[in-house]
Amino acid sequence: MQRVHLVIHGRVIMVGFRYFIRNKALFLGLNGWVRNINDKVEAVFEGQQDKLNRMIEICEDGPIMSRVDKVDIKYETPENLKGFEIK
């Protein structure tokens, strides 16, 4: 199991980004959380590396109404999170 911490920059607030992320994470079987921080979205995902890679790609694209300018990616020690939460 791996853990990745993302900060997503761009037009990501008020476009359904958190709900989009939660639905994709649940579909991929990832655990973690997502929240708004100022004008960015922050998310943590835990799971298999191939699924994390796919989730990073999904975050780089975002939902149709969003515009992703940059994604900061940091790998961390897994904490064995359960489920996926919108904070």
N, C-alpha and C. Protein backbone atom coordinates (compact mmCIF):
# COMPACT_ATOMS: atom_id res chain seq x y z
N MET A 1 0.84 -1.18 0.00
CA MET A 1 0.00 0.00 0.00
C MET A 1 0.89 1.25 0.00
N GLN A 2 0.44 2.24 -0.75
CA GLN A 2 1.15 3.51 -0.86
C GLN A 2 0.20 4.65 -0.48
N ARG A 3 0.76 5.83 -0.25
CA ARG A 3 -0.03 7.01 0.08
C ARG A 3 0.50 8.19 -0.71
N VAL A 4 -0.41 8.97 -1.31
CA VAL A 4 -0.03 10.16 -2.04
C VAL A 4 -0.88 11.32 -1.54
N HIS A 5 -0.23 12.48 -1.40
CA HIS A 5 -0.87 13.71 -0.92
C HIS A 5 -0.78 14.71 -2.06
N LEU A 6 -1.95 15.20 -2.52
CA LEU A 6 -2.01 16.12 -3.65
C LEU A 6 -2.56 17.47 -3.22
N VAL A 7 -2.03 18.53 -3.82
CA VAL A 7 -2.64 19.86 -3.74
C VAL A 7 -2.87 20.29 -5.19
N ILE A 8 -4.13 20.57 -5.50
CA ILE A 8 -4.54 20.82 -6.88
C ILE A 8 -4.85 22.31 -7.02
N HIS A 9 -4.17 22.96 -7.96
CA HIS A 9 -4.28 24.40 -8.20
C HIS A 9 -5.06 24.66 -9.48
N GLY A 10 -5.77 25.78 -9.51
CA GLY A 10 -6.50 26.18 -10.71
C GLY A 10 -7.91 26.61 -10.34
N ARG A 11 -8.83 26.46 -11.28
CA ARG A 11 -10.24 26.73 -10.99
C ARG A 11 -10.85 25.42 -10.52
N VAL A 12 -10.73 25.19 -9.21
CA VAL A 12 -11.12 23.91 -8.63
C VAL A 12 -12.14 24.05 -7.51
N ILE A 13 -12.55 25.27 -7.20
CA ILE A 13 -13.55 25.53 -6.17
C ILE A 13 -14.88 25.86 -6.85
N MET A 14 -15.97 25.36 -6.28
CA MET A 14 -17.33 25.62 -6.78
C MET A 14 -17.59 24.99 -8.15
N VAL A 15 -16.88 23.91 -8.45
CA VAL A 15 -17.10 23.20 -9.72
C VAL A 15 -17.36 21.70 -9.48
N GLY A 16 -17.62 21.32 -8.23
CA GLY A 16 -17.89 19.92 -7.91
C GLY A 16 -16.66 19.05 -7.83
N PHE A 17 -15.50 19.66 -7.65
CA PHE A 17 -14.24 18.91 -7.68
C PHE A 17 -14.16 17.86 -6.57
N ARG A 18 -14.53 18.21 -5.35
CA ARG A 18 -14.42 17.26 -4.24
C ARG A 18 -15.31 16.04 -4.47
N TYR A 19 -16.53 16.26 -4.94
CA TYR A 19 -17.45 15.14 -5.17
C TYR A 19 -16.98 14.28 -6.34
N PHE A 20 -16.44 14.92 -7.36
CA PHE A 20 -15.86 14.22 -8.50
C PHE A 20 -14.72 13.31 -8.02
N ILE A 21 -13.84 13.86 -7.18
CA ILE A 21 -12.70 13.11 -6.64
C ILE A 21 -13.18 11.94 -5.79
N ARG A 22 -14.14 12.20 -4.91
CA ARG A 22 -14.64 11.12 -4.04
C ARG A 22 -15.20 9.98 -4.88
N ASN A 23 -16.01 10.30 -5.87
CA ASN A 23 -16.61 9.24 -6.71
C ASN A 23 -15.56 8.44 -7.44
N LYS A 24 -14.55 9.10 -7.99
CA LYS A 24 -13.48 8.39 -8.70
C LYS A 24 -12.65 7.54 -7.75
N ALA A 25 -12.36 8.06 -6.55
CA ALA A 25 -11.58 7.31 -5.57
C ALA A 25 -12.34 6.06 -5.12
N LEU A 26 -13.63 6.20 -4.87
CA LEU A 26 -14.43 5.04 -4.47
C LEU A 26 -14.48 4.00 -5.59
N PHE A 27 -14.62 4.45 -6.82
CA PHE A 27 -14.64 3.54 -7.97
C PHE A 27 -13.34 2.75 -8.06
N LEU A 28 -12.20 3.43 -7.79
CA LEU A 28 -10.89 2.78 -7.87
C LEU A 28 -10.56 1.97 -6.61
N GLY A 29 -11.38 2.10 -5.57
CA GLY A 29 -11.14 1.36 -4.34
C GLY A 29 -10.07 1.99 -3.47
N LEU A 30 -9.90 3.31 -3.59
CA LEU A 30 -8.91 4.02 -2.79
C LEU A 30 -9.53 4.56 -1.51
N ASN A 31 -8.72 4.66 -0.47
CA ASN A 31 -9.13 5.27 0.79
C ASN A 31 -8.50 6.65 0.88
N GLY A 32 -9.09 7.53 1.73
CA GLY A 32 -8.49 8.84 1.94
C GLY A 32 -9.50 9.92 2.20
N TRP A 33 -9.16 11.13 1.79
CA TRP A 33 -10.03 12.28 2.02
C TRP A 33 -9.71 13.39 1.02
N VAL A 34 -10.64 14.35 0.92
CA VAL A 34 -10.46 15.52 0.06
C VAL A 34 -11.10 16.71 0.76
N ARG A 35 -10.49 17.90 0.59
CA ARG A 35 -11.05 19.11 1.17
C ARG A 35 -10.59 20.33 0.39
N ASN A 36 -11.32 21.42 0.55
CA ASN A 36 -10.90 22.71 0.00
C ASN A 36 -9.95 23.38 0.99
N ILE A 37 -8.90 23.98 0.47
CA ILE A 37 -8.02 24.82 1.29
C ILE A 37 -7.79 26.11 0.51
N ASN A 38 -8.36 27.19 1.02
CA ASN A 38 -8.30 28.48 0.34
C ASN A 38 -8.85 28.32 -1.08
N ASP A 39 -8.04 28.54 -2.09
CA ASP A 39 -8.50 28.43 -3.48
C ASP A 39 -7.98 27.17 -4.16
N LYS A 40 -7.63 26.16 -3.36
CA LYS A 40 -7.08 24.90 -3.88
C LYS A 40 -7.89 23.73 -3.33
N VAL A 41 -7.64 22.55 -3.88
CA VAL A 41 -8.19 21.31 -3.34
C VAL A 41 -7.02 20.46 -2.87
N GLU A 42 -7.14 19.93 -1.67
CA GLU A 42 -6.13 19.04 -1.10
C GLU A 42 -6.74 17.65 -0.96
N ALA A 43 -5.98 16.62 -1.31
CA ALA A 43 -6.50 15.25 -1.23
C ALA A 43 -5.40 14.29 -0.84
N VAL A 44 -5.79 13.26 -0.12
CA VAL A 44 -4.89 12.16 0.25
C VAL A 44 -5.55 10.87 -0.21
N PHE A 45 -4.75 10.03 -0.85
CA PHE A 45 -5.23 8.74 -1.34
C PHE A 45 -4.29 7.65 -0.85
N GLU A 46 -4.86 6.52 -0.45
CA GLU A 46 -4.07 5.35 -0.09
C GLU A 46 -4.58 4.15 -0.87
N GLY A 47 -3.64 3.36 -1.39
CA GLY A 47 -4.01 2.17 -2.14
C GLY A 47 -2.84 1.66 -2.95
N GLN A 48 -3.15 0.83 -3.94
CA GLN A 48 -2.13 0.25 -4.80
C GLN A 48 -1.56 1.33 -5.73
N GLN A 49 -0.28 1.22 -6.03
CA GLN A 49 0.42 2.24 -6.82
C GLN A 49 -0.23 2.48 -8.19
N ASP A 50 -0.66 1.43 -8.88
CA ASP A 50 -1.26 1.64 -10.20
C ASP A 50 -2.56 2.44 -10.10
N LYS A 51 -3.32 2.22 -9.05
CA LYS A 51 -4.56 2.98 -8.85
C LYS A 51 -4.26 4.42 -8.43
N LEU A 52 -3.21 4.60 -7.64
CA LEU A 52 -2.80 5.97 -7.28
C LEU A 52 -2.36 6.73 -8.52
N ASN A 53 -1.61 6.07 -9.39
CA ASN A 53 -1.19 6.72 -10.64
C ASN A 53 -2.39 7.15 -11.46
N ARG A 54 -3.40 6.29 -11.54
CA ARG A 54 -4.62 6.64 -12.29
C ARG A 54 -5.35 7.81 -11.62
N MET A 55 -5.38 7.83 -10.29
CA MET A 55 -6.05 8.92 -9.58
C MET A 55 -5.32 10.24 -9.79
N ILE A 56 -4.01 10.22 -9.85
CA ILE A 56 -3.24 11.44 -10.14
C ILE A 56 -3.62 11.96 -11.53
N GLU A 57 -3.71 11.08 -12.51
CA GLU A 57 -4.12 11.49 -13.87
C GLU A 57 -5.52 12.11 -13.85
N ILE A 58 -6.43 11.50 -13.11
CA ILE A 58 -7.79 12.01 -13.01
C ILE A 58 -7.79 13.41 -12.39
N CYS A 59 -6.98 13.61 -11.35
CA CYS A 59 -6.90 14.92 -10.70
C CYS A 59 -6.28 15.97 -11.63
N GLU A 60 -5.34 15.55 -12.46
CA GLU A 60 -4.73 16.49 -13.41
C GLU A 60 -5.72 16.95 -14.47
N ASP A 61 -6.72 16.12 -14.77
CA ASP A 61 -7.76 16.49 -15.74
C ASP A 61 -8.90 17.23 -15.06
N GLY A 62 -9.38 16.72 -13.92
CA GLY A 62 -10.49 17.32 -13.20
C GLY A 62 -11.81 17.15 -13.90
N PRO A 63 -12.89 17.59 -13.23
CA PRO A 63 -14.21 17.53 -13.87
C PRO A 63 -14.32 18.57 -14.97
N ILE A 64 -15.34 18.45 -15.77
CA ILE A 64 -15.48 19.26 -16.98
C ILE A 64 -15.49 20.77 -16.72
N MET A 65 -16.06 21.22 -15.62
CA MET A 65 -16.17 22.65 -15.34
C MET A 65 -14.91 23.24 -14.69
N SER A 66 -13.93 22.40 -14.39
CA SER A 66 -12.73 22.87 -13.70
C SER A 66 -11.62 23.20 -14.70
N ARG A 67 -10.56 23.81 -14.17
CA ARG A 67 -9.34 24.03 -14.93
C ARG A 67 -8.18 23.77 -13.96
N VAL A 68 -7.43 22.73 -14.22
CA VAL A 68 -6.30 22.38 -13.36
C VAL A 68 -5.03 22.97 -13.95
N ASP A 69 -4.38 23.84 -13.18
CA ASP A 69 -3.14 24.47 -13.62
C ASP A 69 -1.90 23.69 -13.18
N LYS A 70 -1.98 23.09 -11.98
CA LYS A 70 -0.82 22.40 -11.42
C LYS A 70 -1.28 21.45 -10.33
N VAL A 71 -0.58 20.33 -10.19
CA VAL A 71 -0.84 19.40 -9.09
C VAL A 71 0.48 19.14 -8.38
N ASP A 72 0.54 19.50 -7.10
CA ASP A 72 1.70 19.18 -6.26
C ASP A 72 1.51 17.76 -5.75
N ILE A 73 2.53 16.93 -5.89
CA ILE A 73 2.45 15.52 -5.54
C ILE A 73 3.53 15.20 -4.51
N LYS A 74 3.10 14.58 -3.40
CA LYS A 74 4.05 14.20 -2.35
C LYS A 74 3.68 12.80 -1.85
N TYR A 75 4.64 11.89 -1.86
CA TYR A 75 4.40 10.55 -1.33
C TYR A 75 4.72 10.55 0.15
N GLU A 76 3.86 9.88 0.93
CA GLU A 76 3.98 9.86 2.38
C GLU A 76 3.83 8.43 2.89
N THR A 77 4.07 8.25 4.17
CA THR A 77 3.88 6.95 4.81
C THR A 77 2.39 6.68 4.97
N PRO A 78 1.90 5.53 4.51
CA PRO A 78 0.47 5.21 4.66
C PRO A 78 0.05 5.17 6.13
N GLU A 79 -1.20 5.57 6.37
CA GLU A 79 -1.77 5.54 7.72
C GLU A 79 -2.92 4.54 7.81
N ASN A 80 -3.12 3.73 6.77
CA ASN A 80 -4.18 2.72 6.72
C ASN A 80 -5.56 3.34 6.95
N LEU A 81 -5.86 4.39 6.19
CA LEU A 81 -7.17 5.03 6.26
C LEU A 81 -8.23 4.08 5.75
N LYS A 82 -9.45 4.25 6.25
CA LYS A 82 -10.58 3.43 5.82
C LYS A 82 -11.65 4.33 5.24
N GLY A 83 -12.16 3.99 4.06
CA GLY A 83 -13.20 4.77 3.41
C GLY A 83 -12.65 6.01 2.75
N PHE A 84 -13.57 6.84 2.27
CA PHE A 84 -13.15 8.09 1.63
C PHE A 84 -14.09 9.20 2.09
N GLU A 85 -13.52 10.29 2.60
CA GLU A 85 -14.27 11.34 3.26
C GLU A 85 -14.07 12.69 2.54
N ILE A 86 -15.16 13.44 2.45
CA ILE A 86 -15.07 14.85 2.05
C ILE A 86 -15.04 15.65 3.33
N LYS A 87 -13.98 16.41 3.53
CA LYS A 87 -13.84 17.23 4.75
C LYS A 87 -14.32 18.63 4.51
